[in-house]
N, C-alpha and C. Protein backbone atom coordinates (compact mmCIF):
# COMPACT_ATOMS: atom_id res chain seq x y z
N MET A 1 -51.41 33.65 7.95
CA MET A 1 -50.74 33.12 9.15
C MET A 1 -49.36 32.63 8.79
N PRO A 2 -48.30 33.10 9.46
CA PRO A 2 -46.93 32.71 9.09
C PRO A 2 -46.74 31.22 9.32
N SER A 3 -46.01 30.62 8.41
CA SER A 3 -45.74 29.20 8.54
C SER A 3 -44.79 28.92 9.69
N GLN A 4 -45.02 27.79 10.33
CA GLN A 4 -44.18 27.41 11.45
C GLN A 4 -42.93 26.70 10.93
N PRO A 5 -41.77 26.94 11.52
CA PRO A 5 -40.56 26.25 11.07
C PRO A 5 -40.67 24.76 11.31
N SER A 6 -40.16 23.99 10.35
CA SER A 6 -40.22 22.52 10.47
C SER A 6 -39.30 22.06 11.60
N LYS A 7 -39.80 21.07 12.36
CA LYS A 7 -39.01 20.52 13.47
C LYS A 7 -37.79 19.79 12.93
N ASN A 8 -37.86 19.33 11.67
CA ASN A 8 -36.73 18.56 11.12
C ASN A 8 -35.72 19.43 10.35
N ALA A 9 -36.04 20.75 10.31
CA ALA A 9 -35.14 21.65 9.60
C ALA A 9 -33.80 21.71 10.28
N ALA A 10 -32.70 21.67 9.47
CA ALA A 10 -31.37 21.72 10.02
C ALA A 10 -31.11 23.09 10.63
N PRO A 11 -30.46 23.13 11.80
CA PRO A 11 -30.15 24.43 12.41
C PRO A 11 -29.14 25.20 11.55
N GLU A 12 -29.19 26.48 11.71
CA GLU A 12 -28.26 27.34 10.94
C GLU A 12 -26.82 27.06 11.38
N PRO A 13 -25.88 27.09 10.44
CA PRO A 13 -24.48 26.86 10.81
C PRO A 13 -24.00 27.91 11.79
N VAL A 14 -23.27 27.41 12.78
CA VAL A 14 -22.64 28.32 13.74
C VAL A 14 -21.35 28.88 13.16
N ALA A 15 -20.62 28.04 12.41
CA ALA A 15 -19.34 28.47 11.82
C ALA A 15 -18.97 27.51 10.71
N GLU A 16 -18.15 27.99 9.80
CA GLU A 16 -17.62 27.18 8.67
C GLU A 16 -16.17 27.42 8.49
N TRP A 17 -15.46 26.40 8.07
CA TRP A 17 -14.01 26.49 7.83
C TRP A 17 -13.69 25.78 6.53
N THR A 18 -13.02 26.45 5.61
CA THR A 18 -12.59 25.81 4.35
C THR A 18 -11.20 25.21 4.56
N LEU A 19 -11.10 23.89 4.35
CA LEU A 19 -9.83 23.23 4.52
C LEU A 19 -8.88 23.62 3.38
N PRO A 20 -7.64 23.98 3.69
CA PRO A 20 -6.67 24.35 2.64
C PRO A 20 -6.28 23.18 1.79
N GLY A 21 -5.96 23.45 0.54
CA GLY A 21 -5.51 22.39 -0.36
C GLY A 21 -4.27 21.68 0.13
N ALA A 22 -3.40 22.39 0.86
CA ALA A 22 -2.20 21.75 1.38
C ALA A 22 -2.49 20.73 2.46
N ALA A 23 -3.74 20.80 3.00
CA ALA A 23 -4.15 19.84 4.02
C ALA A 23 -4.84 18.64 3.39
N THR A 24 -5.73 18.87 2.45
CA THR A 24 -6.50 17.77 1.86
C THR A 24 -5.77 17.10 0.69
N LEU A 25 -4.85 17.86 0.02
CA LEU A 25 -4.14 17.34 -1.14
C LEU A 25 -5.09 16.81 -2.20
N GLY A 26 -6.29 17.41 -2.29
CA GLY A 26 -7.24 17.06 -3.30
C GLY A 26 -7.99 15.75 -3.04
N SER A 27 -7.90 15.22 -1.83
CA SER A 27 -8.48 13.93 -1.53
C SER A 27 -9.70 14.07 -0.60
N SER A 28 -10.82 13.50 -1.00
CA SER A 28 -12.01 13.53 -0.15
C SER A 28 -11.81 12.59 1.05
N VAL A 29 -11.01 11.51 0.85
CA VAL A 29 -10.73 10.60 1.96
C VAL A 29 -9.90 11.32 3.01
N ARG A 30 -8.93 12.11 2.57
CA ARG A 30 -8.13 12.91 3.49
C ARG A 30 -8.98 13.97 4.20
N ALA A 31 -9.90 14.58 3.51
CA ALA A 31 -10.77 15.57 4.12
C ALA A 31 -11.63 14.92 5.19
N LYS A 32 -12.12 13.71 4.93
CA LYS A 32 -12.92 12.97 5.92
C LYS A 32 -12.05 12.62 7.11
N GLY A 33 -10.81 12.26 6.86
CA GLY A 33 -9.87 11.96 7.95
C GLY A 33 -9.61 13.15 8.85
N ILE A 34 -9.52 14.32 8.24
CA ILE A 34 -9.34 15.54 9.02
C ILE A 34 -10.59 15.80 9.90
N LEU A 35 -11.76 15.58 9.29
CA LEU A 35 -13.01 15.74 10.04
C LEU A 35 -13.00 14.85 11.28
N LEU A 36 -12.62 13.58 11.11
CA LEU A 36 -12.62 12.65 12.24
C LEU A 36 -11.60 13.05 13.28
N GLU A 37 -10.48 13.60 12.83
CA GLU A 37 -9.43 14.05 13.75
C GLU A 37 -9.97 15.23 14.59
N ILE A 38 -10.64 16.18 13.96
CA ILE A 38 -11.16 17.33 14.67
C ILE A 38 -12.29 16.90 15.61
N ARG A 39 -13.13 16.03 15.14
CA ARG A 39 -14.22 15.50 16.00
C ARG A 39 -13.71 14.87 17.27
N SER A 40 -12.59 14.17 17.17
CA SER A 40 -12.03 13.47 18.33
C SER A 40 -11.62 14.42 19.44
N ARG A 41 -11.46 15.71 19.10
CA ARG A 41 -11.05 16.69 20.09
C ARG A 41 -12.22 17.46 20.68
N LEU A 42 -13.42 17.15 20.22
CA LEU A 42 -14.62 17.82 20.74
C LEU A 42 -15.27 16.98 21.84
N PRO A 43 -16.09 17.60 22.66
CA PRO A 43 -16.86 16.79 23.63
C PRO A 43 -17.69 15.75 22.87
N PHE A 44 -17.78 14.57 23.44
CA PHE A 44 -18.41 13.45 22.73
C PHE A 44 -19.80 13.78 22.20
N ALA A 45 -20.62 14.43 22.99
CA ALA A 45 -21.99 14.74 22.60
C ALA A 45 -22.04 15.79 21.48
N ALA A 46 -20.96 16.51 21.26
CA ALA A 46 -20.97 17.56 20.26
C ALA A 46 -20.29 17.15 18.94
N ARG A 47 -19.77 15.94 18.89
CA ARG A 47 -18.96 15.56 17.73
C ARG A 47 -19.77 15.51 16.42
N LYS A 48 -20.99 14.99 16.49
CA LYS A 48 -21.79 14.90 15.27
C LYS A 48 -22.31 16.26 14.81
N SER A 49 -22.11 17.30 15.60
CA SER A 49 -22.52 18.62 15.19
C SER A 49 -21.56 19.19 14.13
N LEU A 50 -20.42 18.57 13.99
CA LEU A 50 -19.42 19.01 13.00
C LEU A 50 -19.51 18.07 11.79
N GLU A 51 -19.76 18.63 10.64
CA GLU A 51 -19.86 17.86 9.41
C GLU A 51 -18.95 18.43 8.34
N ILE A 52 -18.85 17.74 7.23
CA ILE A 52 -18.04 18.25 6.12
C ILE A 52 -18.84 18.21 4.84
N ARG A 53 -18.70 19.28 4.05
CA ARG A 53 -19.32 19.41 2.74
C ARG A 53 -18.23 19.74 1.74
N GLY A 54 -17.81 18.74 0.99
CA GLY A 54 -16.67 18.99 0.10
C GLY A 54 -15.43 19.17 0.91
N ALA A 55 -14.87 20.37 0.87
CA ALA A 55 -13.69 20.67 1.66
C ALA A 55 -14.02 21.71 2.74
N VAL A 56 -15.30 21.82 3.11
CA VAL A 56 -15.74 22.82 4.10
C VAL A 56 -16.28 22.11 5.32
N LEU A 57 -15.69 22.40 6.48
CA LEU A 57 -16.23 21.95 7.75
C LEU A 57 -17.36 22.86 8.18
N VAL A 58 -18.46 22.26 8.60
CA VAL A 58 -19.65 23.04 9.00
C VAL A 58 -20.04 22.62 10.41
N LEU A 59 -20.22 23.59 11.28
CA LEU A 59 -20.62 23.30 12.66
C LEU A 59 -22.08 23.74 12.85
N HIS A 60 -22.92 22.77 13.20
CA HIS A 60 -24.32 23.04 13.55
C HIS A 60 -24.51 22.73 15.03
N MET A 61 -25.17 23.61 15.75
CA MET A 61 -25.47 23.36 17.16
C MET A 61 -26.99 23.36 17.34
N PRO A 62 -27.61 22.18 17.51
CA PRO A 62 -29.06 22.12 17.67
C PRO A 62 -29.52 22.82 18.93
N GLU A 63 -30.73 23.26 18.88
CA GLU A 63 -31.34 23.90 20.06
C GLU A 63 -32.39 22.97 20.67
N PRO A 64 -32.40 22.79 21.96
CA PRO A 64 -31.41 23.30 22.90
C PRO A 64 -30.16 22.44 22.84
N SER A 65 -29.03 22.96 23.27
CA SER A 65 -27.75 22.25 23.26
C SER A 65 -27.05 22.50 24.61
N PRO A 66 -26.45 21.46 25.16
CA PRO A 66 -25.73 21.63 26.42
C PRO A 66 -24.41 22.35 26.21
N PHE A 67 -24.06 22.58 24.95
CA PHE A 67 -22.76 23.24 24.68
C PHE A 67 -22.96 24.60 24.04
N ASP A 68 -22.04 25.47 24.35
CA ASP A 68 -22.05 26.82 23.73
C ASP A 68 -21.39 26.70 22.36
N GLY A 69 -22.13 27.15 21.34
CA GLY A 69 -21.63 27.06 19.96
C GLY A 69 -20.31 27.77 19.79
N GLY A 70 -20.17 28.89 20.43
CA GLY A 70 -18.91 29.66 20.30
C GLY A 70 -17.72 28.91 20.90
N ALA A 71 -17.98 28.20 22.00
CA ALA A 71 -16.89 27.47 22.66
C ALA A 71 -16.47 26.29 21.79
N VAL A 72 -17.46 25.59 21.20
CA VAL A 72 -17.14 24.46 20.35
C VAL A 72 -16.40 24.95 19.09
N ALA A 73 -16.84 26.09 18.54
CA ALA A 73 -16.18 26.64 17.36
C ALA A 73 -14.73 27.02 17.67
N ALA A 74 -14.51 27.47 18.88
CA ALA A 74 -13.13 27.84 19.27
C ALA A 74 -12.25 26.62 19.32
N ILE A 75 -12.80 25.48 19.76
CA ILE A 75 -12.02 24.24 19.81
C ILE A 75 -11.65 23.81 18.37
N VAL A 76 -12.64 23.92 17.48
CA VAL A 76 -12.39 23.53 16.07
C VAL A 76 -11.32 24.42 15.47
N SER A 77 -11.43 25.72 15.69
CA SER A 77 -10.44 26.67 15.14
C SER A 77 -9.05 26.37 15.65
N SER A 78 -8.94 26.07 16.93
CA SER A 78 -7.66 25.76 17.52
C SER A 78 -7.10 24.45 16.93
N ALA A 79 -7.97 23.45 16.74
CA ALA A 79 -7.51 22.16 16.23
C ALA A 79 -7.05 22.28 14.79
N LEU A 80 -7.59 23.24 14.04
CA LEU A 80 -7.24 23.38 12.64
C LEU A 80 -5.90 24.11 12.43
N MET A 81 -5.35 24.69 13.48
CA MET A 81 -4.08 25.35 13.34
C MET A 81 -2.99 24.33 13.06
N GLY A 82 -2.31 24.52 11.96
CA GLY A 82 -1.26 23.58 11.55
C GLY A 82 -1.77 22.25 11.05
N ILE A 83 -3.01 22.20 10.58
CA ILE A 83 -3.61 20.94 10.14
C ILE A 83 -2.90 20.37 8.93
N GLU A 84 -2.16 21.23 8.22
CA GLU A 84 -1.41 20.77 7.02
C GLU A 84 -0.31 19.76 7.37
N THR A 85 0.08 19.76 8.67
CA THR A 85 1.15 18.83 9.08
C THR A 85 0.61 17.54 9.68
N LEU A 86 -0.70 17.37 9.71
CA LEU A 86 -1.31 16.15 10.27
C LEU A 86 -0.81 14.97 9.44
N PRO A 87 -0.20 13.95 10.09
CA PRO A 87 0.31 12.80 9.33
C PRO A 87 -0.78 12.13 8.51
N ILE A 88 -0.37 11.60 7.39
CA ILE A 88 -1.29 10.94 6.45
C ILE A 88 -1.32 9.45 6.75
N ILE A 89 -2.51 8.89 6.90
CA ILE A 89 -2.63 7.46 7.20
C ILE A 89 -2.76 6.67 5.92
N PRO A 90 -2.64 5.32 5.98
CA PRO A 90 -2.58 4.49 4.75
C PRO A 90 -3.72 4.71 3.77
N ARG A 91 -4.97 4.69 4.22
CA ARG A 91 -6.08 4.82 3.26
C ARG A 91 -6.06 6.20 2.57
N GLU A 92 -5.54 7.21 3.26
CA GLU A 92 -5.47 8.54 2.67
C GLU A 92 -4.39 8.62 1.62
N ILE A 93 -3.23 8.05 1.88
CA ILE A 93 -2.14 8.15 0.87
C ILE A 93 -2.50 7.32 -0.36
N GLU A 94 -3.23 6.23 -0.18
CA GLU A 94 -3.66 5.44 -1.35
C GLU A 94 -4.62 6.27 -2.22
N ASP A 95 -5.47 7.07 -1.60
CA ASP A 95 -6.40 7.88 -2.38
C ASP A 95 -5.70 9.09 -2.99
N ILE A 96 -4.81 9.69 -2.25
CA ILE A 96 -4.11 10.87 -2.78
C ILE A 96 -3.23 10.51 -4.00
N LEU A 97 -2.48 9.42 -3.88
CA LEU A 97 -1.55 9.01 -4.97
C LEU A 97 -2.18 8.05 -5.95
N THR A 98 -3.40 7.64 -5.70
CA THR A 98 -4.12 6.66 -6.52
C THR A 98 -3.27 5.43 -6.69
N ILE A 99 -2.92 4.79 -5.56
CA ILE A 99 -2.11 3.59 -5.58
C ILE A 99 -2.86 2.48 -4.87
N SER A 100 -2.41 1.26 -5.11
CA SER A 100 -3.06 0.10 -4.43
C SER A 100 -2.35 -0.18 -3.10
N THR A 101 -3.01 -1.00 -2.28
CA THR A 101 -2.39 -1.39 -1.03
C THR A 101 -1.11 -2.17 -1.28
N THR A 102 -1.10 -2.99 -2.31
CA THR A 102 0.11 -3.77 -2.67
C THR A 102 1.26 -2.84 -3.01
N GLU A 103 1.00 -1.80 -3.78
CA GLU A 103 2.04 -0.85 -4.16
C GLU A 103 2.55 -0.13 -2.92
N ARG A 104 1.62 0.27 -2.04
CA ARG A 104 2.04 0.96 -0.83
C ARG A 104 2.96 0.10 0.01
N HIS A 105 2.61 -1.16 0.18
CA HIS A 105 3.47 -2.05 0.95
C HIS A 105 4.82 -2.25 0.28
N ARG A 106 4.83 -2.43 -1.01
CA ARG A 106 6.09 -2.69 -1.75
C ARG A 106 7.02 -1.47 -1.70
N TRP A 107 6.47 -0.31 -1.95
CA TRP A 107 7.30 0.89 -1.99
C TRP A 107 7.71 1.35 -0.60
N LEU A 108 6.93 1.02 0.42
CA LEU A 108 7.32 1.31 1.79
C LEU A 108 8.46 0.39 2.18
N LYS A 109 8.36 -0.87 1.78
CA LYS A 109 9.41 -1.88 2.14
C LYS A 109 10.74 -1.54 1.51
N ASP A 110 10.74 -1.08 0.22
CA ASP A 110 12.02 -0.81 -0.44
C ASP A 110 12.51 0.61 -0.23
N GLY A 111 11.76 1.43 0.53
CA GLY A 111 12.23 2.74 0.92
C GLY A 111 11.81 3.88 0.00
N ARG A 112 11.10 3.56 -1.07
CA ARG A 112 10.68 4.66 -1.94
C ARG A 112 9.61 5.53 -1.26
N LEU A 113 8.72 4.92 -0.52
CA LEU A 113 7.78 5.65 0.33
C LEU A 113 8.43 5.81 1.68
N GLN A 114 8.55 7.02 2.16
CA GLN A 114 9.24 7.27 3.42
C GLN A 114 8.25 7.35 4.56
N SER A 115 8.42 6.45 5.52
CA SER A 115 7.54 6.46 6.71
C SER A 115 7.90 7.63 7.63
N ALA A 116 6.87 8.23 8.21
CA ALA A 116 7.09 9.31 9.19
C ALA A 116 6.85 8.78 10.60
N GLY A 117 6.88 7.45 10.76
CA GLY A 117 6.65 6.83 12.05
C GLY A 117 5.46 5.91 12.01
N THR A 118 5.08 5.45 13.16
CA THR A 118 3.93 4.53 13.26
C THR A 118 2.87 5.10 14.23
N ARG A 119 1.69 4.59 14.08
CA ARG A 119 0.57 4.99 14.93
C ARG A 119 -0.20 3.72 15.33
N THR A 120 -0.56 3.65 16.61
CA THR A 120 -1.31 2.52 17.12
C THR A 120 -2.68 2.98 17.57
N VAL A 121 -3.69 2.29 17.08
CA VAL A 121 -5.08 2.66 17.45
C VAL A 121 -5.82 1.39 17.87
N LYS A 122 -6.82 1.58 18.70
CA LYS A 122 -7.68 0.46 19.14
C LYS A 122 -8.93 0.47 18.30
N LEU A 123 -9.26 -0.68 17.74
CA LEU A 123 -10.45 -0.81 16.94
C LEU A 123 -11.68 -0.63 17.80
N ARG A 124 -12.66 0.06 17.30
CA ARG A 124 -13.87 0.35 18.06
C ARG A 124 -14.58 -0.96 18.43
N GLY A 125 -14.89 -1.09 19.71
CA GLY A 125 -15.60 -2.26 20.21
C GLY A 125 -14.77 -3.50 20.33
N ARG A 126 -13.46 -3.39 20.13
CA ARG A 126 -12.59 -4.55 20.22
C ARG A 126 -11.39 -4.26 21.11
N ALA A 127 -10.84 -5.32 21.68
CA ALA A 127 -9.64 -5.15 22.51
C ALA A 127 -8.37 -5.07 21.69
N ARG A 128 -8.48 -5.52 20.44
CA ARG A 128 -7.32 -5.60 19.57
C ARG A 128 -6.88 -4.21 19.11
N LYS A 129 -5.56 -4.02 19.04
CA LYS A 129 -5.00 -2.76 18.54
C LYS A 129 -4.24 -3.07 17.24
N ILE A 130 -4.16 -2.08 16.38
CA ILE A 130 -3.41 -2.22 15.16
C ILE A 130 -2.37 -1.08 15.05
N THR A 131 -1.26 -1.39 14.46
CA THR A 131 -0.19 -0.41 14.28
C THR A 131 0.10 -0.28 12.80
N PHE A 132 0.23 0.95 12.32
CA PHE A 132 0.47 1.19 10.89
C PHE A 132 1.38 2.38 10.70
N HIS A 133 1.99 2.45 9.53
CA HIS A 133 2.86 3.58 9.22
C HIS A 133 2.05 4.80 8.79
N VAL A 134 2.57 5.98 9.14
CA VAL A 134 1.97 7.23 8.70
C VAL A 134 3.03 7.97 7.86
N PHE A 135 2.57 9.01 7.12
CA PHE A 135 3.44 9.66 6.15
C PHE A 135 3.38 11.18 6.30
N ASP A 136 4.51 11.81 6.03
CA ASP A 136 4.61 13.28 6.08
C ASP A 136 3.87 13.86 4.89
N PRO A 137 2.92 14.78 5.13
CA PRO A 137 2.17 15.39 4.02
C PRO A 137 3.06 16.04 2.98
N ARG A 138 4.17 16.64 3.39
CA ARG A 138 5.04 17.31 2.43
C ARG A 138 5.78 16.32 1.53
N HIS A 139 6.12 15.16 2.08
CA HIS A 139 6.70 14.11 1.26
C HIS A 139 5.72 13.62 0.22
N VAL A 140 4.48 13.39 0.67
CA VAL A 140 3.44 12.92 -0.26
C VAL A 140 3.13 13.97 -1.30
N GLU A 141 3.09 15.23 -0.89
CA GLU A 141 2.85 16.30 -1.85
C GLU A 141 3.94 16.37 -2.90
N ASP A 142 5.17 16.16 -2.49
CA ASP A 142 6.30 16.18 -3.43
C ASP A 142 6.18 15.04 -4.44
N LEU A 143 5.81 13.86 -3.97
CA LEU A 143 5.60 12.70 -4.88
C LEU A 143 4.49 13.00 -5.86
N LEU A 144 3.45 13.67 -5.37
CA LEU A 144 2.30 14.01 -6.24
C LEU A 144 2.72 15.03 -7.29
N ASP A 145 3.46 16.05 -6.88
CA ASP A 145 3.86 17.12 -7.82
C ASP A 145 4.78 16.61 -8.90
N ARG A 146 5.66 15.65 -8.57
CA ARG A 146 6.63 15.11 -9.52
C ARG A 146 6.09 13.91 -10.30
N ASP A 147 4.85 13.52 -10.03
CA ASP A 147 4.26 12.34 -10.68
C ASP A 147 5.19 11.14 -10.52
N GLN A 148 5.72 11.01 -9.30
CA GLN A 148 6.70 9.97 -9.03
C GLN A 148 6.13 8.56 -9.15
N VAL A 149 4.84 8.45 -8.86
CA VAL A 149 4.22 7.12 -8.91
C VAL A 149 4.32 6.52 -10.33
N ALA A 150 4.12 7.35 -11.36
CA ALA A 150 4.22 6.86 -12.73
C ALA A 150 5.62 6.31 -13.03
N ALA A 151 6.63 7.03 -12.53
CA ALA A 151 8.03 6.59 -12.75
C ALA A 151 8.28 5.29 -12.00
N TRP A 152 7.76 5.16 -10.80
CA TRP A 152 7.95 3.92 -10.02
C TRP A 152 7.29 2.73 -10.71
N ARG A 153 6.12 2.96 -11.27
CA ARG A 153 5.44 1.87 -11.97
C ARG A 153 6.22 1.41 -13.20
N GLU A 154 6.83 2.34 -13.89
CA GLU A 154 7.67 1.99 -15.06
C GLU A 154 8.88 1.19 -14.59
N ASP A 155 9.47 1.62 -13.50
CA ASP A 155 10.61 0.87 -12.94
C ASP A 155 10.20 -0.54 -12.56
N ASP A 156 9.02 -0.68 -11.95
CA ASP A 156 8.55 -1.98 -11.52
C ASP A 156 8.31 -2.90 -12.72
N LYS A 157 7.76 -2.32 -13.81
CA LYS A 157 7.54 -3.10 -15.03
C LYS A 157 8.85 -3.62 -15.60
N ALA A 158 9.85 -2.73 -15.64
CA ALA A 158 11.18 -3.11 -16.15
C ALA A 158 11.80 -4.18 -15.29
N GLN A 159 11.65 -4.06 -13.99
CA GLN A 159 12.24 -5.06 -13.07
C GLN A 159 11.51 -6.40 -13.21
N ALA A 160 10.19 -6.34 -13.37
CA ALA A 160 9.44 -7.58 -13.54
C ALA A 160 9.84 -8.29 -14.81
N ALA A 161 10.07 -7.52 -15.90
CA ALA A 161 10.49 -8.11 -17.18
C ALA A 161 11.86 -8.75 -17.02
N GLU A 162 12.77 -8.06 -16.29
CA GLU A 162 14.09 -8.59 -16.07
C GLU A 162 14.04 -9.88 -15.23
N ASN A 163 13.18 -9.89 -14.22
CA ASN A 163 13.02 -11.08 -13.38
C ASN A 163 12.50 -12.27 -14.20
N ARG A 164 11.55 -11.97 -15.12
CA ARG A 164 11.06 -13.04 -15.97
C ARG A 164 12.14 -13.58 -16.90
N ARG A 165 12.96 -12.66 -17.43
CA ARG A 165 14.06 -13.08 -18.32
C ARG A 165 15.05 -13.95 -17.59
N ARG A 166 15.40 -13.57 -16.33
CA ARG A 166 16.35 -14.35 -15.58
C ARG A 166 15.74 -15.72 -15.21
N ALA A 167 14.47 -15.73 -14.86
CA ALA A 167 13.81 -16.99 -14.50
C ALA A 167 13.79 -17.93 -15.71
N ALA A 168 13.50 -17.36 -16.89
CA ALA A 168 13.46 -18.18 -18.12
C ALA A 168 14.86 -18.73 -18.40
N GLY A 169 15.90 -17.92 -18.17
CA GLY A 169 17.26 -18.37 -18.41
C GLY A 169 17.65 -19.50 -17.47
N LYS A 170 17.25 -19.38 -16.19
CA LYS A 170 17.56 -20.42 -15.21
C LYS A 170 16.83 -21.71 -15.58
N ALA A 171 15.57 -21.59 -16.00
CA ALA A 171 14.79 -22.76 -16.40
C ALA A 171 15.43 -23.46 -17.59
N ALA A 172 15.89 -22.67 -18.57
CA ALA A 172 16.52 -23.27 -19.76
C ALA A 172 17.81 -23.98 -19.40
N LEU A 173 18.59 -23.38 -18.47
CA LEU A 173 19.85 -24.00 -18.03
C LEU A 173 19.57 -25.31 -17.33
N LYS A 174 18.55 -25.36 -16.50
CA LYS A 174 18.20 -26.60 -15.82
C LYS A 174 17.78 -27.70 -16.80
N ARG A 175 17.06 -27.29 -17.84
CA ARG A 175 16.66 -28.26 -18.85
C ARG A 175 17.87 -28.86 -19.58
N VAL A 176 18.85 -27.99 -19.89
CA VAL A 176 20.04 -28.44 -20.59
C VAL A 176 20.82 -29.39 -19.67
N GLN A 177 20.94 -29.02 -18.40
CA GLN A 177 21.71 -29.87 -17.46
C GLN A 177 21.01 -31.21 -17.28
N LYS A 178 19.68 -31.21 -17.23
CA LYS A 178 18.93 -32.45 -17.07
C LYS A 178 19.09 -33.34 -18.29
N THR A 179 19.08 -32.72 -19.49
CA THR A 179 19.23 -33.50 -20.72
C THR A 179 20.63 -34.10 -20.79
N ALA A 180 21.62 -33.30 -20.40
CA ALA A 180 23.00 -33.81 -20.40
C ALA A 180 23.17 -34.93 -19.39
N GLY A 181 22.52 -34.81 -18.24
CA GLY A 181 22.60 -35.86 -17.22
C GLY A 181 21.96 -37.14 -17.70
N ASP A 182 20.85 -37.04 -18.38
CA ASP A 182 20.15 -38.23 -18.91
C ASP A 182 20.98 -38.94 -19.97
N ALA A 183 21.85 -38.19 -20.70
CA ALA A 183 22.63 -38.76 -21.78
C ALA A 183 23.89 -39.44 -21.31
N GLU A 184 24.34 -39.22 -20.03
CA GLU A 184 25.55 -39.80 -19.50
C GLU A 184 25.41 -41.30 -19.34
N PRO A 185 26.51 -42.11 -19.51
CA PRO A 185 26.44 -43.56 -19.34
C PRO A 185 26.15 -43.92 -17.90
N ASP A 186 25.65 -45.13 -17.68
CA ASP A 186 25.39 -45.63 -16.33
C ASP A 186 26.71 -45.75 -15.57
N ALA A 187 26.63 -45.53 -14.28
CA ALA A 187 27.85 -45.53 -13.46
C ALA A 187 28.58 -46.87 -13.48
N GLY A 188 27.85 -47.98 -13.64
CA GLY A 188 28.47 -49.30 -13.62
C GLY A 188 29.07 -49.75 -14.94
N GLY A 189 28.92 -48.93 -15.99
CA GLY A 189 29.35 -49.37 -17.32
C GLY A 189 30.86 -49.32 -17.51
N GLY A 190 31.47 -48.19 -17.12
CA GLY A 190 32.90 -48.02 -17.30
C GLY A 190 33.28 -47.69 -18.71
N GLU A 191 34.50 -47.09 -18.84
CA GLU A 191 34.96 -46.66 -20.15
C GLU A 191 35.23 -47.86 -21.07
N GLU A 192 35.74 -48.95 -20.43
CA GLU A 192 36.15 -50.07 -21.26
C GLU A 192 34.92 -50.71 -21.97
N GLU A 193 33.82 -50.77 -21.18
CA GLU A 193 32.63 -51.39 -21.77
C GLU A 193 32.04 -50.51 -22.85
N VAL A 194 32.14 -49.19 -22.67
CA VAL A 194 31.58 -48.27 -23.65
C VAL A 194 32.37 -48.32 -24.94
N SER A 195 33.74 -48.42 -24.80
CA SER A 195 34.59 -48.36 -25.98
C SER A 195 34.80 -49.70 -26.67
N ARG A 196 34.27 -50.76 -26.06
CA ARG A 196 34.50 -52.06 -26.63
C ARG A 196 33.80 -52.22 -27.98
N PRO A 197 34.51 -52.69 -29.01
CA PRO A 197 33.89 -52.85 -30.32
C PRO A 197 32.77 -53.88 -30.28
N THR A 198 31.75 -53.64 -30.99
CA THR A 198 30.62 -54.56 -31.06
C THR A 198 30.66 -55.29 -32.41
N LEU A 199 31.76 -56.06 -32.65
CA LEU A 199 31.92 -56.75 -33.89
C LEU A 199 31.37 -58.17 -33.78
N THR A 200 30.85 -58.64 -34.88
CA THR A 200 30.34 -60.01 -34.92
C THR A 200 31.48 -60.99 -34.76
N GLY A 201 31.38 -61.95 -33.81
CA GLY A 201 32.39 -62.96 -33.58
C GLY A 201 33.54 -62.49 -32.72
N TRP A 202 33.43 -61.30 -32.12
CA TRP A 202 34.51 -60.75 -31.28
C TRP A 202 34.84 -61.68 -30.13
N ASP A 203 33.84 -62.21 -29.47
CA ASP A 203 34.10 -63.04 -28.31
C ASP A 203 34.90 -64.30 -28.68
N ALA A 204 34.50 -64.89 -29.77
CA ALA A 204 35.21 -66.11 -30.22
C ALA A 204 36.65 -65.78 -30.62
N PHE A 205 36.86 -64.63 -31.26
CA PHE A 205 38.19 -64.22 -31.66
C PHE A 205 39.06 -63.98 -30.45
N ALA A 206 38.54 -63.32 -29.44
CA ALA A 206 39.31 -63.04 -28.23
C ALA A 206 39.67 -64.31 -27.51
N ARG A 207 38.75 -65.28 -27.47
CA ARG A 207 38.98 -66.54 -26.78
C ARG A 207 40.09 -67.34 -27.46
N ASP A 208 40.07 -67.38 -28.78
CA ASP A 208 41.07 -68.07 -29.53
C ASP A 208 42.45 -67.45 -29.40
N LEU A 209 42.46 -66.12 -29.33
CA LEU A 209 43.72 -65.39 -29.22
C LEU A 209 44.36 -65.65 -27.88
N LEU A 210 43.58 -65.76 -26.81
CA LEU A 210 44.12 -65.95 -25.47
C LEU A 210 44.71 -67.36 -25.29
N TRP A 211 44.20 -68.32 -26.03
CA TRP A 211 44.68 -69.71 -25.83
C TRP A 211 45.80 -70.10 -26.80
N ARG A 212 46.26 -69.21 -27.58
CA ARG A 212 47.38 -69.56 -28.49
C ARG A 212 48.68 -69.65 -27.68
């Protein structure tokens, strides 16, 4: 007797698409971001039918389904056209370049990371919206190819060392000025009092001299 197919067995893929390296830039976080972007363009009930395995998008359409698999696949294919130009969001660029959030903020502020504009999204289930910078994939790819991050980190180390040297110099100068200030005579003393000889019997000598 032939075995019956399991009810939990995954349906056969309707279609598959391999994401180009120019789109993912070797990042699984970026690949997941592309998946979410493509899902957002599908009918809500069909979004979870699209999954990702490595760098391959896989479309499964369970039976029965209110959607035609071919029609959904056509939407995915259309959405993937020019996917290499999809702006890169913060968490993706951090994964692609292997940088920290602090580095991203610092290099964006001083212009080393070039912003391609901003994007505003509403957090799920909340009224609050957030705005963040996005980046041109080709700019990020260029930084990756030239290993620019390593050079920036060396520059930052050199600048930090220079800042420490200057801070130490300022601190030493303040100590010298404070020491010099502590050594100065009191304001009420005057030059005459400071230069006055401290000889034994001076007062008596001066008194006798004045009355002659």
